[in-house]
Each structure stands twice: as C-alpha cells, then as structure tokens.
Amino acid sequence: MKKTMLKLVMPAFLGVSMLASCGNAQEADKSLTKAEFKVYGNCGMCEKTIEGSLNGQDGIGNADWDKETKMITVTYDPKKMDENKIKEKIAGVGYDTDSHRADESVYNNLPGCCQYERP
C-alpha cells in the first residue's frame, strides 16, 4: 500500500516542483535586457569566438551572432552588465562592433579566415 501511494504521490510532487522552477526561469528572463547590434566577422569560427567572449560571463543570459546579417542578439542583466561592456568584451577578442574597434594587434592575430574588411 505504501509503495502504491508513493508511486501516485511522487509524480504529482515532481510535476508541481518542475512547474515552480519553470516559473522562476520565466521570472528571471523578464529581468534581462535585450540588445542587438552589428559585429563584423566572416565565418563559423568568428561566431564561436564572438559568442564565446560573452556566453558564460556573469550578467550575460545568451549571445547569438548571425554570420549572414553580422548582427548579434544579447540578453543581459542590466544590474551586472551594460551594452558598452559587452562591446568591449567582443572587441577584446578581435571583432569590431558599430561603436568599438578591436585593438590592431588582437585583430591581426585572428586566423586568416576571420580577418574581415574593417569599416
């Protein structure tokens, strides 16, 4: 009898706790700000480096760069990060944005396929 009760109660409990955690994730997403801007680059390796400079950083929700449009979409926590810092991080790995230029030596160290025509 006890085993049967546990089999009935446990899935219901797990379902409720999963719903509660999903609600918290949705609330956290509401506190993030979204920014979109141009980042110059060429290829999949550029995409990996650009996104990698942001994803996993404190204050960054997600970064997604489109190599066709050269646009990046970033979600971030404005209490921990701002658009200027985001652009500085991208320029720090060699990629120009609409308002931040990467240091010449960092840009020159990019693989040949990643060296784009600089604006």
C-alpha atoms as a PDB file:
ATOM      1  CA  MET A   1       0.000   0.000   0.000  1.00  0.00           C
ATOM      2  CA  LYS A   2       2.790   2.443   0.944  1.00  0.00           C
ATOM      3  CA  LYS A   3       4.643   1.718  -2.318  1.00  0.00           C
ATOM      4  CA  THR A   4       1.480   2.325  -4.323  1.00  0.00           C
ATOM      5  CA  MET A   5       0.900   5.649  -2.535  1.00  0.00           C
ATOM      6  CA  LEU A   6       4.471   6.732  -3.241  1.00  0.00           C
ATOM      7  CA  LYS A   7       4.058   5.849  -6.910  1.00  0.00           C
ATOM      8  CA  LEU A   8       0.989   8.084  -7.074  1.00  0.00           C
ATOM      9  CA  VAL A   9       2.249  10.982  -4.948  1.00  0.00           C
ATOM     10  CA  MET A  10       5.816  11.232  -6.242  1.00  0.00           C
ATOM     11  CA  PRO A  11       4.973  12.088  -9.905  1.00  0.00           C
ATOM     12  CA  ALA A  12       2.482  14.729  -8.755  1.00  0.00           C
ATOM     13  CA  PHE A  13       5.094  16.264  -6.445  1.00  0.00           C
ATOM     14  CA  LEU A  14       7.724  16.291  -9.197  1.00  0.00           C
ATOM     15  CA  GLY A  15       5.279  17.892 -11.623  1.00  0.00           C
ATOM     16  CA  VAL A  16       4.498  20.706  -9.188  1.00  0.00           C
ATOM     17  CA  SER A  17       8.174  21.333  -8.406  1.00  0.00           C
ATOM     18  CA  MET A  18       9.037  21.393 -12.132  1.00  0.00           C
ATOM     19  CA  LEU A  19       6.305  23.946 -12.774  1.00  0.00           C
ATOM     20  CA  ALA A  20       7.607  26.084  -9.935  1.00  0.00           C
ATOM     21  CA  SER A  21      11.155  26.020 -11.306  1.00  0.00           C
ATOM     22  CA  CYS A  22       9.907  26.906 -14.801  1.00  0.00           C
ATOM     23  CA  GLY A  23       8.078  29.876 -13.316  1.00  0.00           C
ATOM     24  CA  ASN A  24      11.308  31.066 -11.678  1.00  0.00           C
ATOM     25  CA  ALA A  25      13.160  30.778 -15.000  1.00  0.00           C
ATOM     26  CA  GLN A  26      10.477  32.857 -16.708  1.00  0.00           C
ATOM     27  CA  GLU A  27      10.709  35.481 -13.965  1.00  0.00           C
ATOM     28  CA  ALA A  28      14.497  35.594 -14.349  1.00  0.00           C
ATOM     29  CA  ASP A  29      14.131  36.090 -18.124  1.00  0.00           C
ATOM     30  CA  LYS A  30      11.892  39.103 -17.511  1.00  0.00           C
ATOM     31  CA  SER A  31      14.725  40.855 -15.673  1.00  0.00           C
ATOM     32  CA  LEU A  32      17.070  40.538 -18.678  1.00  0.00           C
ATOM     33  CA  THR A  33      17.541  43.288 -21.240  1.00  0.00           C
ATOM     34  CA  LYS A  34      17.954  42.554 -24.941  1.00  0.00           C
ATOM     35  CA  ALA A  35      20.461  44.331 -27.186  1.00  0.00           C
ATOM     36  CA  GLU A  36      21.056  43.928 -30.921  1.00  0.00           C
ATOM     37  CA  PHE A  37      23.955  45.459 -32.825  1.00  0.00           C
ATOM     38  CA  LYS A  38      26.427  44.820 -35.648  1.00  0.00           C
ATOM     39  CA  VAL A  39      29.607  42.813 -35.099  1.00  0.00           C
ATOM     40  CA  TYR A  40      31.959  42.357 -38.039  1.00  0.00           C
ATOM     41  CA  GLY A  41      33.192  38.850 -38.845  1.00  0.00           C
ATOM     42  CA  ASN A  42      33.104  36.194 -41.553  1.00  0.00           C
ATOM     43  CA  CYS A  43      32.701  32.581 -40.585  1.00  0.00           C
ATOM     44  CA  GLY A  44      31.689  29.907 -38.108  1.00  0.00           C
ATOM     45  CA  MET A  45      34.973  30.316 -36.247  1.00  0.00           C
ATOM     46  CA  CYS A  46      34.168  34.014 -35.829  1.00  0.00           C
ATOM     47  CA  GLU A  47      30.746  33.065 -34.491  1.00  0.00           C
ATOM     48  CA  LYS A  48      32.274  30.702 -31.948  1.00  0.00           C
ATOM     49  CA  THR A  49      34.776  33.331 -30.756  1.00  0.00           C
ATOM     50  CA  ILE A  50      32.288  36.214 -30.644  1.00  0.00           C
ATOM     51  CA  GLU A  51      29.630  34.243 -28.768  1.00  0.00           C
ATOM     52  CA  GLY A  52      32.293  32.605 -26.598  1.00  0.00           C
ATOM     53  CA  SER A  53      33.514  36.005 -25.429  1.00  0.00           C
ATOM     54  CA  LEU A  54      30.089  36.514 -23.827  1.00  0.00           C
ATOM     55  CA  ASN A  55      28.302  33.228 -23.125  1.00  0.00           C
ATOM     56  CA  GLY A  56      29.042  32.039 -19.602  1.00  0.00           C
ATOM     57  CA  GLN A  57      30.018  35.520 -18.401  1.00  0.00           C
ATOM     58  CA  ASP A  58      28.380  36.838 -15.238  1.00  0.00           C
ATOM     59  CA  GLY A  59      25.455  39.027 -16.247  1.00  0.00           C
ATOM     60  CA  ILE A  60      25.012  37.534 -19.731  1.00  0.00           C
ATOM     61  CA  GLY A  61      21.921  35.464 -20.439  1.00  0.00           C
ATOM     62  CA  ASN A  62      22.660  34.476 -24.031  1.00  0.00           C
ATOM     63  CA  ALA A  63      24.564  35.712 -27.071  1.00  0.00           C
ATOM     64  CA  ASP A  64      23.746  34.697 -30.633  1.00  0.00           C
ATOM     65  CA  TRP A  65      25.648  36.127 -33.646  1.00  0.00           C
ATOM     66  CA  ASP A  66      24.338  35.686 -37.200  1.00  0.00           C
ATOM     67  CA  LYS A  67      27.182  35.500 -39.728  1.00  0.00           C
ATOM     68  CA  GLU A  68      24.859  36.423 -42.630  1.00  0.00           C
ATOM     69  CA  THR A  69      23.463  39.637 -41.144  1.00  0.00           C
ATOM     70  CA  LYS A  70      26.500  40.349 -38.897  1.00  0.00           C
ATOM     71  CA  MET A  71      24.039  41.101 -36.094  1.00  0.00           C
ATOM     72  CA  ILE A  72      24.332  39.847 -32.536  1.00  0.00           C
ATOM     73  CA  THR A  73      21.458  39.471 -30.104  1.00  0.00           C
ATOM     74  CA  VAL A  74      22.471  39.522 -26.452  1.00  0.00           C
ATOM     75  CA  THR A  75      20.337  39.203 -23.353  1.00  0.00           C
ATOM     76  CA  TYR A  76      21.910  40.515 -20.173  1.00  0.00           C
ATOM     77  CA  ASP A  77      21.214  41.567 -16.613  1.00  0.00           C
ATOM     78  CA  PRO A  78      21.489  45.391 -16.549  1.00  0.00           C
ATOM     79  CA  LYS A  79      22.429  45.232 -12.849  1.00  0.00           C
ATOM     80  CA  LYS A  80      25.635  43.353 -13.731  1.00  0.00           C
ATOM     81  CA  MET A  81      26.378  44.250 -17.346  1.00  0.00           C
ATOM     82  CA  ASP A  82      25.745  47.000 -19.883  1.00  0.00           C
ATOM     83  CA  GLU A  83      25.945  47.271 -23.668  1.00  0.00           C
ATOM     84  CA  ASN A  84      29.247  49.167 -23.539  1.00  0.00           C
ATOM     85  CA  LYS A  85      30.919  46.369 -21.512  1.00  0.00           C
ATOM     86  CA  ILE A  86      29.512  43.779 -23.908  1.00  0.00           C
ATOM     87  CA  LYS A  87      31.021  45.600 -26.888  1.00  0.00           C
ATOM     88  CA  GLU A  88      34.348  45.923 -25.056  1.00  0.00           C
ATOM     89  CA  LYS A  89      34.430  42.153 -24.482  1.00  0.00           C
ATOM     90  CA  ILE A  90      33.763  41.496 -28.172  1.00  0.00           C
ATOM     91  CA  ALA A  91      36.431  43.997 -29.265  1.00  0.00           C
ATOM     92  CA  GLY A  92      38.786  42.360 -26.762  1.00  0.00           C
ATOM     93  CA  VAL A  93      38.767  39.143 -28.807  1.00  0.00           C
ATOM     94  CA  GLY A  94      39.385  40.948 -32.111  1.00  0.00           C
ATOM     95  CA  TYR A  95      35.999  41.901 -33.530  1.00  0.00           C
ATOM     96  CA  ASP A  96      34.758  45.408 -34.307  1.00  0.00           C
ATOM     97  CA  THR A  97      31.255  46.496 -33.361  1.00  0.00           C
ATOM     98  CA  ASP A  98      29.336  49.519 -34.539  1.00  0.00           C
ATOM     99  CA  SER A  99      30.998  51.638 -31.828  1.00  0.00           C
ATOM    100  CA  HIS A 100      34.091  49.742 -30.566  1.00  0.00           C
ATOM    101  CA  ARG A 101      37.168  48.920 -32.617  1.00  0.00           C
ATOM    102  CA  ALA A 102      39.336  45.937 -31.714  1.00  0.00           C
ATOM    103  CA  ASP A 103      42.991  46.584 -30.983  1.00  0.00           C
ATOM    104  CA  GLU A 104      45.054  46.196 -34.172  1.00  0.00           C
ATOM    105  CA  SER A 105      47.345  43.538 -32.684  1.00  0.00           C
ATOM    106  CA  VAL A 106      44.402  41.428 -31.470  1.00  0.00           C
ATOM    107  CA  TYR A 107      42.699  41.708 -34.868  1.00  0.00           C
ATOM    108  CA  ASN A 108      45.959  40.748 -36.658  1.00  0.00           C
ATOM    109  CA  ASN A 109      46.193  37.586 -34.520  1.00  0.00           C
ATOM    110  CA  LEU A 110      42.814  36.323 -35.762  1.00  0.00           C
ATOM    111  CA  PRO A 111      43.002  33.378 -38.190  1.00  0.00           C
ATOM    112  CA  GLY A 112      43.102  34.493 -41.834  1.00  0.00           C
ATOM    113  CA  CYS A 113      39.520  33.393 -42.497  1.00  0.00           C
ATOM    114  CA  CYS A 114      38.353  35.582 -39.608  1.00  0.00           C
ATOM    115  CA  GLN A 115      40.068  38.774 -40.793  1.00  0.00           C
ATOM    116  CA  TYR A 116      37.204  40.746 -42.265  1.00  0.00           C
ATOM    117  CA  GLU A 117      37.277  44.036 -44.149  1.00  0.00           C
ATOM    118  CA  ARG A 118      37.346  46.560 -41.332  1.00  0.00           C
ATOM    119  CA  PRO A 119      34.952  49.500 -41.531  1.00  0.00           C
END
